[in-house]
Amino acid sequence: MRTDLDQQIEYWNRVGSTKSFLHPVNLDRLSDLLAPTASIVDYGCGYGRVLKILFEHGYRNIAGFDLAPAMVEEARQRLPGVELGRRADFTSSAPGCGWSE
């Protein structure tokens, strides 16, 4: 039996990379709160739009996770070198970021 979550994952796997998300990232506000050396996890990162913006602005200690495997794969294509994974990969410490539990 397929759950609602299964249906959501299927939907995002099918159409997620075709969607355009236009909500702004307020980098001025973010930089007031977090230095580029901060550890940032984007849980529900999709194809990595926000992670790409962060990376382009000097944030390097970033990681993204999403439930939809196709979205994670798309993010990996767009953001080589950024830690990305699926829900099953998410632990109390993001891979490669050196964060303590």
Protein backbone atom coordinates (compact mmCIF):
# COMPACT_ATOMS: atom_id res chain seq x y z
CA MET A 1 0.00 0.00 0.00
CA ARG A 2 1.39 3.38 -1.02
CA THR A 3 1.43 6.02 1.65
CA ASP A 4 0.96 9.76 1.20
CA LEU A 5 4.71 10.12 1.64
CA ASP A 6 5.33 7.57 -1.12
CA GLN A 7 3.05 9.58 -3.40
CA GLN A 8 4.87 12.82 -2.56
CA ILE A 9 8.25 11.23 -3.28
CA GLU A 10 6.94 9.86 -6.58
CA TYR A 11 5.60 13.29 -7.52
CA TRP A 12 8.87 15.10 -6.76
CA ASN A 13 10.90 12.42 -8.53
CA ARG A 14 8.75 12.95 -11.62
CA VAL A 15 8.41 16.75 -11.83
CA GLY A 16 10.69 18.35 -9.26
CA SER A 17 13.58 19.27 -11.50
CA THR A 18 11.21 21.03 -13.91
CA LYS A 19 9.89 23.41 -11.25
CA SER A 20 11.17 26.94 -10.84
CA PHE A 21 11.23 28.27 -7.32
CA LEU A 22 11.54 32.02 -7.14
CA HIS A 23 11.32 32.80 -3.43
CA PRO A 24 14.31 34.95 -2.57
CA VAL A 25 17.17 34.05 -0.27
CA ASN A 26 17.88 37.06 1.93
CA LEU A 27 21.67 36.90 1.89
CA ASP A 28 22.08 40.20 3.76
CA ARG A 29 20.05 38.85 6.67
CA LEU A 30 21.77 35.47 6.51
CA SER A 31 25.23 37.01 6.58
CA ASP A 32 24.22 39.04 9.65
CA LEU A 33 23.37 35.78 11.42
CA LEU A 34 25.81 33.23 9.99
CA ALA A 35 29.40 33.50 8.89
CA PRO A 36 30.44 31.66 5.70
CA THR A 37 32.16 29.14 7.99
CA ALA A 38 28.84 28.16 9.63
CA SER A 39 27.52 24.61 9.25
CA ILE A 40 24.25 24.66 7.31
CA VAL A 41 21.94 21.74 6.51
CA ASP A 42 19.16 22.17 3.95
CA TYR A 43 16.74 19.38 4.79
CA GLY A 44 14.34 19.18 1.88
CA CYS A 45 16.92 20.64 -0.50
CA GLY A 46 15.25 19.47 -3.70
CA TYR A 47 17.59 20.04 -6.61
CA GLY A 48 19.82 22.30 -4.51
CA ARG A 49 18.73 25.79 -5.54
CA VAL A 50 19.37 27.36 -2.13
CA LEU A 51 22.59 25.39 -1.61
CA LYS A 52 23.86 26.70 -4.95
CA ILE A 53 23.15 30.28 -3.90
CA LEU A 54 24.91 29.70 -0.56
CA PHE A 55 27.90 28.12 -2.30
CA GLU A 56 28.14 31.01 -4.77
CA HIS A 57 28.30 33.38 -1.78
CA GLY A 58 31.17 31.62 -0.03
CA TYR A 59 29.38 29.14 2.23
CA ARG A 60 31.29 25.84 2.03
CA ASN A 61 30.26 23.89 5.12
CA ILE A 62 26.87 22.99 3.67
CA ALA A 63 24.91 19.79 3.16
CA GLY A 64 21.53 18.95 1.68
CA PHE A 65 19.09 16.10 2.14
CA ASP A 66 15.84 15.26 0.37
CA LEU A 67 13.37 12.37 0.36
CA ALA A 68 13.17 12.13 -3.43
CA PRO A 69 16.12 10.25 -4.97
CA ALA A 70 15.69 11.96 -8.35
CA MET A 71 15.94 15.37 -6.69
CA VAL A 72 19.11 14.39 -4.86
CA GLU A 73 20.62 13.12 -8.11
CA GLU A 74 19.73 16.38 -9.87
CA ALA A 75 21.34 18.33 -7.01
CA ARG A 76 24.48 16.19 -7.30
CA GLN A 77 24.69 17.05 -11.00
CA ARG A 78 24.30 20.76 -10.29
CA LEU A 79 26.52 20.88 -7.20
CA PRO A 80 29.49 18.54 -7.43
CA GLY A 81 31.48 18.71 -4.23
CA VAL A 82 28.53 19.56 -1.96
CA GLU A 83 27.40 16.85 0.47
CA LEU A 84 23.99 15.57 -0.59
CA GLY A 85 21.95 12.60 0.50
CA ARG A 86 18.57 11.02 1.00
CA ARG A 87 16.57 10.74 4.21
CA ALA A 88 18.20 7.40 4.97
CA ASP A 89 21.59 9.13 4.90
CA PHE A 90 20.61 11.77 7.45
CA THR A 91 22.10 11.20 10.85
CA SER A 92 22.82 13.48 13.78
CA SER A 93 25.98 14.49 11.99
CA ALA A 94 26.02 15.47 8.31
CA PRO A 95 28.61 13.55 6.27
CA GLY A 96 31.86 15.33 5.62
CA CYS A 97 30.95 18.42 7.60
CA GLY A 98 32.81 17.48 10.75
CA TRP A 99 29.88 18.33 13.01
CA SER A 100 29.77 16.65 16.37
CA GLU A 101 26.74 14.69 17.51
